[in-house]
Amino acid sequence: MNLLFSKRENFVGSKALNLAIKFTSASTKQENTMEIIKPNVENLLQNIIIPIMFVSESDVETFQADPVEYIRSQYDFTDNLF
């Protein structure tokens, strides 16, 4: 969670951010870790997760200009390695 919260002030790479979100999501399935995460859930959602999910104006322009290239840019082939 420290990595996720550090995104506000520092650069965090997309792969590290993705893995931190996946780890936090998996941690919510355990009762003892959910108790630790629970006070921070609202902050995580409002300040980290939801802003990442928003589509930017440049994303819309890229999609309208070349939908295939936009989809290609969104799909990272290196994720298959993990």
C-alpha atoms as a PDB file:
ATOM      1  CA  MET A   1       0.000   0.000   0.000  1.00  0.00           C
ATOM      2  CA  ASN A   2       2.937   2.322   0.605  1.00  0.00           C
ATOM      3  CA  LEU A   3       3.871   1.953  -3.056  1.00  0.00           C
ATOM      4  CA  LEU A   4       0.334   2.864  -4.121  1.00  0.00           C
ATOM      5  CA  PHE A   5       0.228   5.904  -1.859  1.00  0.00           C
ATOM      6  CA  SER A   6       3.674   7.042  -3.004  1.00  0.00           C
ATOM      7  CA  LYS A   7       2.237   7.431  -6.531  1.00  0.00           C
ATOM      8  CA  ARG A   8       0.820  10.818  -5.534  1.00  0.00           C
ATOM      9  CA  GLU A   9       4.262  12.382  -5.003  1.00  0.00           C
ATOM     10  CA  ASN A  10       6.630  10.089  -6.925  1.00  0.00           C
ATOM     11  CA  PHE A  11       6.774   8.232 -10.195  1.00  0.00           C
ATOM     12  CA  VAL A  12       5.672   4.614  -9.937  1.00  0.00           C
ATOM     13  CA  GLY A  13       6.020   2.465 -13.040  1.00  0.00           C
ATOM     14  CA  SER A  14       2.882   0.963 -14.526  1.00  0.00           C
ATOM     15  CA  LYS A  15       4.016  -2.630 -13.953  1.00  0.00           C
ATOM     16  CA  ALA A  16       4.871  -1.958 -10.303  1.00  0.00           C
ATOM     17  CA  LEU A  17       1.574  -0.140  -9.860  1.00  0.00           C
ATOM     18  CA  ASN A  18      -0.331  -2.984 -11.499  1.00  0.00           C
ATOM     19  CA  LEU A  19       1.334  -5.601  -9.296  1.00  0.00           C
ATOM     20  CA  ALA A  20       0.740  -3.501  -6.158  1.00  0.00           C
ATOM     21  CA  ILE A  21      -2.970  -3.222  -7.013  1.00  0.00           C
ATOM     22  CA  LYS A  22      -3.180  -6.973  -7.683  1.00  0.00           C
ATOM     23  CA  PHE A  23      -1.389  -7.733  -4.408  1.00  0.00           C
ATOM     24  CA  THR A  24      -3.684  -5.413  -2.462  1.00  0.00           C
ATOM     25  CA  SER A  25      -6.711  -6.980  -4.129  1.00  0.00           C
ATOM     26  CA  ALA A  26      -5.513 -10.483  -3.242  1.00  0.00           C
ATOM     27  CA  SER A  27      -4.815  -9.334   0.320  1.00  0.00           C
ATOM     28  CA  THR A  28      -8.437  -8.312   0.812  1.00  0.00           C
ATOM     29  CA  LYS A  29      -9.434 -11.984   0.651  1.00  0.00           C
ATOM     30  CA  GLN A  30      -7.637 -12.685   3.952  1.00  0.00           C
ATOM     31  CA  GLU A  31      -9.386 -11.525   7.130  1.00  0.00           C
ATOM     32  CA  ASN A  32      -6.270 -10.368   8.980  1.00  0.00           C
ATOM     33  CA  THR A  33      -4.943  -8.290   6.080  1.00  0.00           C
ATOM     34  CA  MET A  34      -8.383  -6.912   5.263  1.00  0.00           C
ATOM     35  CA  GLU A  35      -8.525  -5.429   8.758  1.00  0.00           C
ATOM     36  CA  ILE A  36      -5.298  -3.557   8.011  1.00  0.00           C
ATOM     37  CA  ILE A  37      -6.462  -2.409   4.570  1.00  0.00           C
ATOM     38  CA  LYS A  38     -10.037  -1.489   5.559  1.00  0.00           C
ATOM     39  CA  PRO A  39      -9.265   1.994   6.978  1.00  0.00           C
ATOM     40  CA  ASN A  40      -7.479   2.892   3.721  1.00  0.00           C
ATOM     41  CA  VAL A  41      -9.959   1.493   1.186  1.00  0.00           C
ATOM     42  CA  GLU A  42     -11.784   4.765   0.559  1.00  0.00           C
ATOM     43  CA  ASN A  43      -8.511   6.654   0.145  1.00  0.00           C
ATOM     44  CA  LEU A  44      -7.163   3.965  -2.206  1.00  0.00           C
ATOM     45  CA  LEU A  45     -10.265   4.065  -4.361  1.00  0.00           C
ATOM     46  CA  GLN A  46     -10.676   7.839  -4.526  1.00  0.00           C
ATOM     47  CA  ASN A  47      -7.037   8.852  -4.936  1.00  0.00           C
ATOM     48  CA  ILE A  48      -5.392   5.929  -6.720  1.00  0.00           C
ATOM     49  CA  ILE A  49      -7.658   3.368  -8.392  1.00  0.00           C
ATOM     50  CA  ILE A  50     -10.449   5.516  -9.871  1.00  0.00           C
ATOM     51  CA  PRO A  51      -8.111   8.186 -11.361  1.00  0.00           C
ATOM     52  CA  ILE A  52      -6.134   5.420 -13.078  1.00  0.00           C
ATOM     53  CA  MET A  53      -9.320   4.091 -14.673  1.00  0.00           C
ATOM     54  CA  PHE A  54     -10.438   7.420 -16.159  1.00  0.00           C
ATOM     55  CA  VAL A  55     -10.022   7.891 -19.890  1.00  0.00           C
ATOM     56  CA  SER A  56      -8.043  11.015 -20.783  1.00  0.00           C
ATOM     57  CA  GLU A  57      -8.716  13.397 -23.651  1.00  0.00           C
ATOM     58  CA  SER A  58      -5.618  12.151 -25.462  1.00  0.00           C
ATOM     59  CA  ASP A  59      -6.924   8.571 -25.145  1.00  0.00           C
ATOM     60  CA  VAL A  60     -10.166   9.613 -26.828  1.00  0.00           C
ATOM     61  CA  GLU A  61      -8.298  11.423 -29.612  1.00  0.00           C
ATOM     62  CA  THR A  62      -6.006   8.444 -30.206  1.00  0.00           C
ATOM     63  CA  PHE A  63      -8.958   6.075 -30.292  1.00  0.00           C
ATOM     64  CA  GLN A  64     -10.843   8.242 -32.772  1.00  0.00           C
ATOM     65  CA  ALA A  65      -7.802   8.657 -35.018  1.00  0.00           C
ATOM     66  CA  ASP A  66      -6.642   5.034 -34.998  1.00  0.00           C
ATOM     67  CA  PRO A  67      -8.616   2.533 -32.879  1.00  0.00           C
ATOM     68  CA  VAL A  68      -6.287  -0.357 -33.687  1.00  0.00           C
ATOM     69  CA  GLU A  69      -3.213   1.551 -32.498  1.00  0.00           C
ATOM     70  CA  TYR A  70      -5.036   2.636 -29.322  1.00  0.00           C
ATOM     71  CA  ILE A  71      -5.910  -0.965 -28.461  1.00  0.00           C
ATOM     72  CA  ARG A  72      -2.366  -2.062 -29.286  1.00  0.00           C
ATOM     73  CA  SER A  73      -0.976   0.595 -26.954  1.00  0.00           C
ATOM     74  CA  GLN A  74      -3.281  -0.530 -24.148  1.00  0.00           C
ATOM     75  CA  TYR A  75      -2.295  -4.174 -24.396  1.00  0.00           C
ATOM     76  CA  ASP A  76       1.150  -4.930 -23.033  1.00  0.00           C
ATOM     77  CA  PHE A  77       2.531  -8.188 -24.384  1.00  0.00           C
ATOM     78  CA  THR A  78       5.046  -8.480 -21.562  1.00  0.00           C
ATOM     79  CA  ASP A  79       2.176  -9.214 -19.143  1.00  0.00           C
ATOM     80  CA  ASN A  80       2.012 -12.680 -20.738  1.00  0.00           C
ATOM     81  CA  LEU A  81       5.408 -13.404 -19.223  1.00  0.00           C
ATOM     82  CA  PHE A  82       4.070 -12.984 -15.695  1.00  0.00           C
END
